């Protein structure tokens, strides 16, 4: 599909305070888009918004809060006059054995990554229908190849992939295109946070090439921007992820065989795996919930 110019387009990016969301906001702005940043870190969002090339504004909101996101959607429409693009990027992660996991953290991963994406879609779809716009749902390699020690993250990313595919058929006749973005391990605070645990880092490094590498953020986001310009149904932040689609029928068996061997080998060291949310984004989420009096 031919590319659509981003000049004058209004783009909403959730989870825009850091990582993929921050750089995506910068690159969209550099191509002439007006950007609305949404997230839990108002100071960081303000910093990013102030450094963008064109018109930008930020909103402090939890993507799992229906009322807050509906308010944000209305205020973004009022501020910019329309919404052309929404990128549901906000996400958190945790790792480690399922039985030893913190139930609150496990549930929060699913709430932010899956429920938060659905809340975002519900809030912004009415304005996207007005503009015949584009919703990009960020998923992950974890949706293509769910792996042990990542049960919450894999469940949430598999869920958002299925949600986006189902939604695509529902809103196509309204002129709204829906895409799914896939990223492998990319150099972000989330991945660096997960790598702070030597067991999780070692387990990832023993994955088969090219899934065992950490990929630079810039080229990954460039591919996402290109997908947005094309209103693509599938966006692959690393070149080889497209080929994973054809291997999906074989992945559960391969992962079960290889994964059980690795878990058995690492079992004596699993007690040292951190069970809460990882990275600076995970910390920000935990702080925000404590300030609201949440669990």
Protein backbone atom coordinates (compact mmCIF):
# COMPACT_ATOMS: atom_id res chain seq x y z
CA UNK A 1 0.00 0.00 0.00
CA UNK A 2 1.23 3.52 -0.77
CA UNK A 3 2.34 5.70 2.10
CA UNK A 4 0.13 8.40 3.60
CA UNK A 5 1.87 11.66 4.48
CA UNK A 6 1.94 12.32 8.21
CA UNK A 7 2.06 16.09 7.69
CA UNK A 8 -0.80 17.61 9.69
CA UNK A 9 -2.01 14.22 10.96
CA UNK A 10 -2.91 13.95 14.66
CA UNK A 11 -1.34 10.93 16.36
CA UNK A 12 -1.98 9.62 19.86
CA UNK A 13 0.73 7.48 21.47
CA UNK A 14 0.17 5.72 24.80
CA UNK A 15 3.12 4.78 26.97
CA UNK A 16 4.92 7.76 25.46
CA UNK A 17 7.19 8.69 28.39
CA UNK A 18 10.03 6.40 27.39
CA UNK A 19 11.22 3.63 25.10
CA UNK A 20 9.28 2.79 21.95
CA UNK A 21 6.55 5.31 22.75
CA UNK A 22 8.92 8.22 23.27
CA UNK A 23 10.97 7.62 20.13
CA UNK A 24 7.85 6.95 18.09
CA UNK A 25 6.41 10.31 19.21
CA UNK A 26 9.65 12.01 18.18
CA UNK A 27 9.73 10.40 14.74
CA UNK A 28 6.05 11.06 14.05
CA UNK A 29 6.55 14.68 15.05
CA UNK A 30 9.61 14.97 12.80
CA UNK A 31 7.41 13.90 9.88
CA UNK A 32 4.93 16.68 10.57
CA UNK A 33 2.39 14.99 12.80
CA UNK A 34 0.78 16.68 15.80
CA UNK A 35 1.29 14.33 18.73
CA UNK A 36 -0.74 13.63 21.86
CA UNK A 37 1.30 11.76 24.45
CA UNK A 38 -0.48 9.66 27.09
CA UNK A 39 1.06 7.91 30.09
CA UNK A 40 1.64 7.70 33.82
CA UNK A 41 4.72 9.92 34.16
CA UNK A 42 3.64 13.56 33.75
CA UNK A 43 7.13 15.02 34.17
CA UNK A 44 8.60 12.71 31.56
CA UNK A 45 5.67 13.27 29.20
CA UNK A 46 6.08 17.04 29.58
CA UNK A 47 9.80 16.70 28.80
CA UNK A 48 9.14 14.68 25.65
CA UNK A 49 6.34 16.98 24.46
CA UNK A 50 8.54 20.06 24.90
CA UNK A 51 11.25 18.55 22.69
CA UNK A 52 9.02 17.60 19.75
CA UNK A 53 9.27 19.45 16.47
CA UNK A 54 5.66 20.53 16.07
CA UNK A 55 2.43 20.93 18.00
CA UNK A 56 2.22 18.47 20.89
CA UNK A 57 0.47 18.02 24.23
CA UNK A 58 0.56 15.42 26.97
CA UNK A 59 -2.08 13.76 29.15
CA UNK A 60 -1.51 11.94 32.44
CA UNK A 61 -3.79 8.89 32.47
CA UNK A 62 -3.87 5.20 33.30
CA UNK A 63 -4.86 3.29 30.15
CA UNK A 64 -6.88 0.83 32.24
CA UNK A 65 -9.18 3.63 33.51
CA UNK A 66 -12.26 3.85 31.26
CA UNK A 67 -13.36 7.26 32.52
CA UNK A 68 -9.88 8.78 32.29
CA UNK A 69 -9.28 7.53 28.76
CA UNK A 70 -12.69 8.68 27.56
CA UNK A 71 -11.87 12.11 28.97
CA UNK A 72 -8.49 12.10 27.24
CA UNK A 73 -10.06 11.17 23.91
CA UNK A 74 -12.48 14.06 24.21
CA UNK A 75 -9.78 16.53 25.21
CA UNK A 76 -7.43 15.42 22.42
CA UNK A 77 -10.25 15.91 19.88
CA UNK A 78 -10.99 19.34 21.36
CA UNK A 79 -7.31 20.32 21.40
CA UNK A 80 -6.38 19.20 17.89
CA UNK A 81 -9.75 19.02 16.13
CA UNK A 82 -9.42 15.38 15.09
CA UNK A 83 -7.52 12.15 15.65
CA UNK A 84 -6.04 10.26 12.68
CA UNK A 85 -3.72 7.72 14.33
CA UNK A 86 -3.75 5.93 17.67
CA UNK A 87 -0.85 3.72 18.75
CA UNK A 88 -1.76 1.51 21.72
CA UNK A 89 1.78 1.06 22.96
CA UNK A 90 1.55 1.22 26.77
CA UNK A 91 2.78 -1.97 28.38
CA UNK A 92 4.50 -3.53 31.37
CA UNK A 93 6.19 -6.88 31.94
CA UNK A 94 7.14 -9.35 34.63
CA UNK A 95 9.08 -12.59 34.51
CA UNK A 96 9.87 -15.72 36.44
CA UNK A 97 8.09 -18.97 37.32
CA UNK A 98 4.29 -18.74 37.30
CA UNK A 99 3.78 -20.42 40.68
CA UNK A 100 6.24 -18.05 42.36
CA UNK A 101 4.91 -14.95 40.62
CA UNK A 102 3.31 -12.07 42.48
CA UNK A 103 -0.43 -12.41 41.69
CA UNK A 104 -0.88 -8.62 41.75
CA UNK A 105 1.97 -8.02 39.31
CA UNK A 106 0.83 -10.89 37.07
CA UNK A 107 -2.68 -9.49 36.89
CA UNK A 108 -1.39 -5.96 36.31
CA UNK A 109 0.55 -7.07 33.22
CA UNK A 110 -2.66 -8.43 31.72
CA UNK A 111 -4.63 -5.37 32.81
CA UNK A 112 -2.26 -2.84 31.25
CA UNK A 113 -1.29 -4.74 28.11
CA UNK A 114 -4.65 -6.28 27.20
CA UNK A 115 -7.42 -4.46 29.07
CA UNK A 116 -5.61 -1.13 28.70
CA UNK A 117 -5.39 -1.62 24.95
CA UNK A 118 -9.11 -2.38 24.75
CA UNK A 119 -9.91 0.66 26.89
CA UNK A 120 -7.76 2.78 24.56
CA UNK A 121 -9.56 1.43 21.52
CA UNK A 122 -12.99 1.96 23.05
CA UNK A 123 -12.14 5.56 23.91
CA UNK A 124 -10.65 6.56 20.56
CA UNK A 125 -12.55 4.53 17.97
CA UNK A 126 -15.40 7.06 17.69
CA UNK A 127 -12.99 9.82 16.69
CA UNK A 128 -11.04 7.46 14.41
CA UNK A 129 -14.29 6.68 12.62
CA UNK A 130 -14.78 10.38 12.01
CA UNK A 131 -11.35 10.68 10.37
CA UNK A 132 -11.33 7.17 8.81
CA UNK A 133 -8.10 6.72 10.71
CA UNK A 134 -5.72 4.01 11.84
CA UNK A 135 -5.28 2.11 15.11
CA UNK A 136 -1.96 0.33 15.61
CA UNK A 137 -1.90 -2.20 18.43
CA UNK A 138 1.60 -3.05 19.66
CA UNK A 139 2.00 -6.77 20.28
CA UNK A 140 5.24 -8.74 20.47
CA UNK A 141 7.26 -11.76 19.46
CA UNK A 142 5.63 -13.15 22.62
CA UNK A 143 2.36 -13.43 20.66
CA UNK A 144 4.05 -15.47 17.93
CA UNK A 145 6.14 -17.68 20.21
CA UNK A 146 4.96 -17.76 23.86
CA UNK A 147 7.83 -18.84 26.08
CA UNK A 148 8.21 -20.11 29.67
CA UNK A 149 8.96 -17.68 32.49
CA UNK A 150 6.87 -15.02 30.74
CA UNK A 151 3.34 -16.29 31.27
CA UNK A 152 1.65 -12.95 31.98
CA UNK A 153 3.40 -11.07 29.19
CA UNK A 154 2.81 -13.82 26.63
CA UNK A 155 -0.84 -14.17 27.60
CA UNK A 156 -1.39 -10.41 27.35
CA UNK A 157 0.37 -10.02 24.00
CA UNK A 158 -1.36 -13.03 22.49
CA UNK A 159 -4.59 -11.48 23.72
CA UNK A 160 -4.02 -8.06 22.17
CA UNK A 161 -3.08 -9.67 18.86
CA UNK A 162 -6.35 -11.61 18.80
CA UNK A 163 -8.31 -8.55 19.94
CA UNK A 164 -6.84 -6.41 17.15
CA UNK A 165 -7.47 -9.03 14.47
CA UNK A 166 -11.08 -9.37 15.57
CA UNK A 167 -11.54 -5.61 15.80
CA UNK A 168 -10.17 -5.11 12.28
CA UNK A 169 -13.16 -6.87 10.76
CA UNK A 170 -15.62 -4.95 12.94
CA UNK A 171 -14.51 -1.45 11.99
CA UNK A 172 -13.26 -1.84 8.42
CA UNK A 173 -16.60 -0.82 6.92
CA UNK A 174 -16.38 2.37 9.02
CA UNK A 175 -13.16 3.27 7.24
CA UNK A 176 -10.87 2.50 10.20
CA UNK A 177 -7.81 0.37 9.57
CA UNK A 178 -6.35 -1.73 12.39
CA UNK A 179 -2.77 -2.96 12.49
CA UNK A 180 -0.73 -5.19 14.79
CA UNK A 181 2.90 -4.31 15.50
CA UNK A 182 5.39 -7.02 16.43
CA UNK A 183 8.70 -6.39 18.20
CA UNK A 184 11.39 -8.78 19.31
CA UNK A 185 13.79 -7.92 22.14
CA UNK A 186 14.44 -4.22 21.61
CA UNK A 187 16.77 -1.97 23.59
CA UNK A 188 14.30 -0.36 26.00
CA UNK A 189 14.05 0.13 29.75
CA UNK A 190 11.73 -2.88 29.90
CA UNK A 191 14.20 -5.26 28.27
CA UNK A 192 17.14 -3.85 30.22
CA UNK A 193 15.12 -4.27 33.42
CA UNK A 194 14.42 -7.91 32.61
CA UNK A 195 18.10 -8.47 31.85
CA UNK A 196 19.07 -7.30 35.33
CA UNK A 197 18.27 -10.82 36.50
CA UNK A 198 21.05 -13.18 35.44
CA UNK A 199 18.71 -16.18 35.06
CA UNK A 200 16.31 -14.38 32.73
CA UNK A 201 19.22 -12.89 30.79
CA UNK A 202 20.90 -16.26 30.38
CA UNK A 203 17.68 -17.94 29.32
CA UNK A 204 17.10 -15.31 26.66
CA UNK A 205 20.68 -15.52 25.38
CA UNK A 206 20.25 -19.26 24.86
CA UNK A 207 17.31 -18.75 22.50
CA UNK A 208 18.03 -19.63 18.85
CA UNK A 209 19.33 -16.89 16.55
CA UNK A 210 17.98 -14.35 15.68
CA UNK A 211 15.57 -14.30 18.64
CA UNK A 212 18.43 -14.15 21.18
CA UNK A 213 19.63 -10.68 20.17
CA UNK A 214 18.74 -7.28 21.59
CA UNK A 215 17.93 -4.99 18.67
CA UNK A 216 18.54 -1.23 18.53
CA UNK A 217 15.53 0.95 19.14
CA UNK A 218 15.95 3.38 16.26
CA UNK A 219 15.58 0.99 13.28
CA UNK A 220 12.70 -0.79 15.03
CA UNK A 221 10.76 2.44 15.43
CA UNK A 222 11.57 3.44 11.84
CA UNK A 223 9.82 0.26 10.70
CA UNK A 224 6.83 1.08 12.90
CA UNK A 225 6.61 4.58 11.41
CA UNK A 226 6.71 3.10 7.91
CA UNK A 227 3.89 0.76 8.88
CA UNK A 228 1.84 3.68 10.16
CA UNK A 229 2.41 5.58 6.92
CA UNK A 230 1.14 2.55 4.99
CA UNK A 231 -1.72 1.85 7.42
CA UNK A 232 -0.39 -1.71 7.45
CA UNK A 233 -2.32 -4.65 8.88
CA UNK A 234 0.97 -6.13 10.16
CA UNK A 235 4.06 -4.16 11.16
CA UNK A 236 7.33 -5.95 11.91
CA UNK A 237 9.94 -4.01 13.86
CA UNK A 238 12.64 -6.56 13.00
CA UNK A 239 12.97 -8.02 9.51
CA UNK A 240 12.80 -11.69 10.48
CA UNK A 241 9.54 -11.51 12.45
CA UNK A 242 7.49 -11.70 9.26
CA UNK A 243 8.88 -15.17 8.66
CA UNK A 244 7.77 -16.28 12.12
CA UNK A 245 4.15 -16.18 10.98
CA UNK A 246 4.69 -19.26 8.83
CA UNK A 247 6.31 -21.15 11.71
CA UNK A 248 3.51 -20.58 14.22
CA UNK A 249 1.98 -24.07 13.95
CA UNK A 250 5.28 -25.61 15.02
CA UNK A 251 6.18 -23.21 17.83
CA UNK A 252 4.24 -24.75 20.77
CA UNK A 253 5.89 -28.14 20.28
CA UNK A 254 9.37 -26.70 19.82
CA UNK A 255 9.04 -24.38 22.82
CA UNK A 256 7.67 -27.19 25.00
CA UNK A 257 10.62 -29.41 24.11
CA UNK A 258 13.38 -26.83 24.45
CA UNK A 259 11.75 -24.82 27.23
CA UNK A 260 11.35 -27.69 29.66
CA UNK A 261 15.01 -28.56 29.25
CA UNK A 262 16.08 -24.99 30.01
CA UNK A 263 13.74 -24.62 32.99
CA UNK A 264 14.98 -27.90 34.46
CA UNK A 265 18.58 -26.76 34.04
CA UNK A 266 17.93 -23.39 35.69
CA UNK A 267 15.57 -24.61 38.42
CA UNK A 268 18.14 -24.42 41.27
CA UNK A 269 18.54 -20.69 40.55
CA UNK A 270 14.91 -19.73 40.00
CA UNK A 271 14.37 -18.53 43.57
CA UNK A 272 16.43 -15.45 42.73
CA UNK A 273 14.19 -14.26 39.90
CA UNK A 274 12.42 -10.97 40.67
CA UNK A 275 8.66 -11.50 40.46
CA UNK A 276 7.38 -7.90 40.18
CA UNK A 277 7.15 -5.53 37.23
CA UNK A 278 10.45 -4.87 35.50
CA UNK A 279 12.17 -1.71 34.27
CA UNK A 280 11.56 1.98 34.84
CA UNK A 281 8.11 1.76 33.30
CA UNK A 282 7.15 -0.99 35.73
CA UNK A 283 8.39 1.10 38.62
CA UNK A 284 6.37 4.08 37.39
CA UNK A 285 3.25 1.93 37.23
CA UNK A 286 3.76 0.64 40.77
CA UNK A 287 4.33 4.18 42.08
CA UNK A 288 1.22 5.49 40.34
CA UNK A 289 -0.93 2.72 41.81
CA UNK A 290 0.40 3.35 45.31
CA UNK A 291 -0.36 7.05 44.96
CA UNK A 292 -3.92 6.19 43.94
CA UNK A 293 -4.20 3.79 46.87
CA UNK A 294 -4.39 0.75 44.61
CA UNK A 295 -3.03 -2.72 45.36
